[in-house]
Amino acid sequence: MTLHMDFYMAKTFQKACSICGRTYPAQEFSYGNKDNRSYCRACDKAEKSAYSAGGTEAARQFREQQRAKWQSKV
């Protein structure tokens, strides 16, 4: 693909966050040293805060609670 085509696809490609369920542009999932993450930036930040406050169990509980919120609406 050409550079223009790659840029266009990155700007228009949409992806759903696996924690909050919202749809964002693909660049919202590229942060840190990795591309194509499953969490959006906002959820990643919130999960890291939960992990800092209560460890692995708190982070897991945060993810499950957030997923339950949007999956119950579907």
Protein backbone atom coordinates (compact mmCIF):
# COMPACT_ATOMS: atom_id res chain seq x y z
CA MET A 1 0.00 0.00 0.00
CA THR A 2 1.01 3.54 -0.47
CA LEU A 3 1.72 5.88 2.39
CA HIS A 4 -1.44 7.83 1.61
CA MET A 5 -3.55 4.66 1.72
CA ASP A 6 -2.03 3.56 5.06
CA PHE A 7 -2.75 6.97 6.54
CA TYR A 8 -6.34 6.92 5.25
CA MET A 9 -7.04 3.45 6.64
CA ALA A 10 -5.55 4.34 10.03
CA LYS A 11 -7.79 7.41 10.21
CA THR A 12 -11.00 5.61 9.21
CA PHE A 13 -10.62 2.14 10.74
CA GLN A 14 -12.82 1.73 13.84
CA LYS A 15 -12.31 -0.74 16.66
CA ALA A 16 -14.25 -1.56 19.85
CA CYS A 17 -12.56 -1.47 23.25
CA SER A 18 -12.73 -4.82 25.04
CA ILE A 19 -13.34 -3.13 28.40
CA CYS A 20 -15.81 -0.28 27.79
CA GLY A 21 -17.25 -1.52 24.49
CA ARG A 22 -17.09 1.91 22.83
CA THR A 23 -15.90 2.24 19.25
CA TYR A 24 -12.86 4.44 18.60
CA PRO A 25 -10.51 5.16 15.70
CA ALA A 26 -7.66 2.65 15.42
CA GLN A 27 -5.02 5.12 16.64
CA GLU A 28 -6.75 5.14 20.07
CA PHE A 29 -5.38 1.60 20.56
CA SER A 30 -1.75 2.45 19.73
CA TYR A 31 0.09 3.72 22.77
CA GLY A 32 3.27 2.89 24.60
CA ASN A 33 5.50 0.56 22.62
CA LYS A 34 2.68 -1.47 21.09
CA ASP A 35 0.15 -1.09 18.32
CA ASN A 36 -3.19 -2.84 18.11
CA ARG A 37 -4.02 -3.17 21.81
CA SER A 38 -7.44 -4.37 22.93
CA TYR A 39 -8.09 -1.56 25.44
CA CYS A 40 -8.58 2.10 24.58
CA ARG A 41 -6.26 4.63 26.19
CA ALA A 42 -8.84 5.74 28.77
CA CYS A 43 -9.56 2.18 29.92
CA ASP A 44 -5.87 1.33 30.04
CA LYS A 45 -5.24 4.33 32.28
CA ALA A 46 -8.16 3.43 34.57
CA GLU A 47 -7.07 -0.21 34.75
CA LYS A 48 -3.53 0.81 35.68
CA SER A 49 -4.94 3.01 38.45
CA ALA A 50 -6.98 0.09 39.78
CA TYR A 51 -3.90 -2.13 39.64
CA SER A 52 -1.83 0.46 41.53
CA ALA A 53 -4.50 0.74 44.21
CA GLY A 54 -5.23 -2.95 44.73
CA GLY A 55 -3.04 -5.20 42.62
CA THR A 56 -3.97 -7.86 40.10
CA GLU A 57 -7.29 -8.73 41.69
CA ALA A 58 -8.45 -5.10 41.68
CA ALA A 59 -7.51 -4.70 38.00
CA ARG A 60 -9.40 -7.89 37.09
CA GLN A 61 -12.43 -6.74 39.06
CA PHE A 62 -12.35 -3.35 37.33
CA ARG A 63 -12.32 -5.00 33.88
CA GLU A 64 -15.18 -7.32 34.76
CA GLN A 65 -17.33 -4.50 36.18
CA GLN A 66 -16.79 -2.30 33.13
CA ARG A 67 -17.53 -5.15 30.72
CA ALA A 68 -20.71 -6.04 32.63
CA LYS A 69 -21.96 -2.45 32.23
CA TRP A 70 -21.88 -2.41 28.44
CA GLN A 71 -22.69 -6.07 27.88
CA SER A 72 -25.90 -5.76 29.89
CA LYS A 73 -27.02 -2.98 27.51
CA VAL A 74 -26.62 -5.18 24.43
